[in-house]
Amino acid sequence: MPTTLEQEEYLYRRAIDIIESADTDLDKEELLFKEVWVPLAALYKERMSASKTG
C-alpha cells in the first residue's frame, strides 16, 4: 500500500497531467475535482483526524 506521501505525489502529478491535457476547461475542472481534489481532501481529513486523536 502506498504511503500518504506517495499518494499525494500521485495526485499532484495527476493534476499536472490534467491541466496540461487538451481537454476543455470545463472537462479539466470536472476531472480535477473528481480525480484530484476529492481524494486529496480525504487524505488530509485522515491526517487531521489522526492528529486530533494522537
Protein backbone atom coordinates (compact mmCIF):
# COMPACT_ATOMS: atom_id res chain seq x y z
CA MET A 1 0.00 0.00 0.00
CA PRO A 2 1.42 3.41 -0.93
CA THR A 3 2.35 5.86 1.79
CA THR A 4 0.45 9.11 2.24
CA LEU A 5 3.34 10.98 0.65
CA GLU A 6 3.29 8.68 -2.38
CA GLN A 7 -0.47 9.17 -2.69
CA GLU A 8 -0.07 12.95 -2.53
CA GLU A 9 2.68 12.87 -5.14
CA TYR A 10 0.48 10.80 -7.47
CA LEU A 11 -2.41 13.24 -7.06
CA TYR A 12 -0.22 16.28 -7.75
CA ARG A 13 1.21 14.61 -10.85
CA ARG A 14 -2.31 13.70 -11.98
CA ALA A 15 -3.33 17.36 -11.55
CA ILE A 16 -0.45 18.45 -13.78
CA ASP A 17 -1.41 15.88 -16.41
CA ILE A 18 -5.00 17.10 -16.39
CA ILE A 19 -4.02 20.77 -16.56
CA GLU A 20 -1.65 20.14 -19.49
CA SER A 21 -4.21 18.00 -21.37
CA ALA A 22 -6.04 19.13 -24.48
CA ASP A 23 -9.43 18.83 -22.77
CA THR A 24 -11.72 21.82 -22.45
CA ASP A 25 -11.50 23.92 -19.30
CA LEU A 26 -14.87 22.59 -18.16
CA ASP A 27 -13.66 18.99 -18.56
CA LYS A 28 -10.42 19.84 -16.75
CA GLU A 29 -12.33 21.35 -13.83
CA GLU A 30 -14.51 18.26 -13.54
CA LEU A 31 -11.54 15.89 -13.74
CA LEU A 32 -9.53 17.90 -11.22
CA PHE A 33 -12.42 17.86 -8.78
CA LYS A 34 -13.16 14.14 -9.12
CA GLU A 35 -9.66 12.76 -9.54
CA VAL A 36 -7.52 15.14 -7.51
CA TRP A 37 -9.27 17.44 -5.06
CA VAL A 38 -11.73 14.95 -3.54
CA PRO A 39 -9.07 12.24 -2.96
CA LEU A 40 -6.61 14.86 -1.67
CA ALA A 41 -9.20 16.21 0.76
CA ALA A 42 -9.80 12.67 2.00
CA LEU A 43 -6.08 12.23 2.66
CA TYR A 44 -5.93 15.47 4.64
CA LYS A 45 -9.10 14.58 6.53
CA GLU A 46 -7.44 11.34 7.66
CA ARG A 47 -4.32 13.27 8.67
CA MET A 48 -6.35 15.83 10.62
CA SER A 49 -8.31 13.10 12.39
CA ALA A 50 -5.10 11.31 13.31
CA SER A 51 -3.50 14.46 14.69
CA LYS A 52 -6.52 15.21 16.88
CA THR A 53 -6.53 11.72 18.40
CA GLY A 54 -2.77 11.41 18.68
